[in-house]
Protein backbone atom coordinates (compact mmCIF):
# COMPACT_ATOMS: atom_id res chain seq x y z
CA UNK A 1 0.00 0.00 0.00
CA UNK A 2 1.37 3.34 -1.01
CA UNK A 3 1.07 6.16 1.52
CA UNK A 4 -0.14 9.17 -0.35
CA UNK A 5 0.28 12.81 0.48
CA UNK A 6 -3.07 12.93 2.26
CA UNK A 7 -2.01 10.32 4.84
CA UNK A 8 1.33 12.02 5.45
CA UNK A 9 -0.36 15.39 5.82
CA UNK A 10 -2.78 13.94 8.40
CA UNK A 11 0.14 12.45 10.36
CA UNK A 12 1.98 15.75 10.19
CA UNK A 13 -1.08 17.65 11.46
CA UNK A 14 -1.54 15.21 14.34
CA UNK A 15 2.13 15.54 15.29
CA UNK A 16 1.94 19.32 15.23
CA UNK A 17 -1.31 19.26 17.22
CA UNK A 18 0.26 17.02 19.90
CA UNK A 19 3.35 19.23 20.04
CA UNK A 20 1.24 22.37 20.48
CA UNK A 21 -0.89 20.76 23.20
CA UNK A 22 2.23 19.64 25.07
CA UNK A 23 3.71 23.11 24.76
CA UNK A 24 0.52 24.67 26.11
CA UNK A 25 0.45 22.26 29.07
CA UNK A 26 4.04 23.13 29.94
CA UNK A 27 3.38 26.86 29.60
CA UNK A 28 0.27 26.70 31.79
CA UNK A 29 2.17 24.68 34.41
CA UNK A 30 5.00 27.21 34.50
CA UNK A 31 2.60 30.14 34.87
CA UNK A 32 0.61 28.45 37.64
CA UNK A 33 3.83 27.49 39.43
CA UNK A 34 5.14 31.05 39.22
CA UNK A 35 1.87 32.39 40.61
CA UNK A 36 1.96 29.90 43.49
CA UNK A 37 5.56 30.77 44.32
CA UNK A 38 4.78 34.49 44.23
CA UNK A 39 1.80 33.96 46.52
CA UNK A 40 3.84 31.91 49.00
CA UNK A 41 6.64 34.47 48.94
CA UNK A 42 4.14 37.25 49.60
CA UNK A 43 2.45 35.27 52.38
CA UNK A 44 5.71 34.41 54.13
CA UNK A 45 7.16 37.90 53.70
CA UNK A 46 4.17 39.87 54.97
CA UNK A 47 2.32 37.61 57.38
CA UNK A 48 4.32 34.69 58.72
CA UNK A 49 7.90 35.95 59.06
CA UNK A 50 7.18 39.12 61.10
CA UNK A 51 5.13 37.18 63.66
CA UNK A 52 7.75 34.43 63.73
CA UNK A 53 10.52 36.94 64.43
CA UNK A 54 8.40 38.46 67.21
CA UNK A 55 7.76 35.05 68.79
CA UNK A 56 11.44 34.11 68.70
CA UNK A 57 12.53 37.41 70.23
CA UNK A 58 9.87 37.03 72.94
CA UNK A 59 11.11 33.52 73.74
CA UNK A 60 14.73 34.59 74.22
CA UNK A 61 14.04 38.00 75.76
CA UNK A 62 13.53 36.96 79.35
CA UNK A 63 14.82 38.79 82.37
CA UNK A 64 15.95 36.24 84.73
Foldseek 3Di string as FASTA:
>chain_A
DDDDPVNVVVVVVVVVVVVVVVVVVVVVVVVVVVVVVVVVVVCCVPPPVVVVVVVVCVVPPDDD
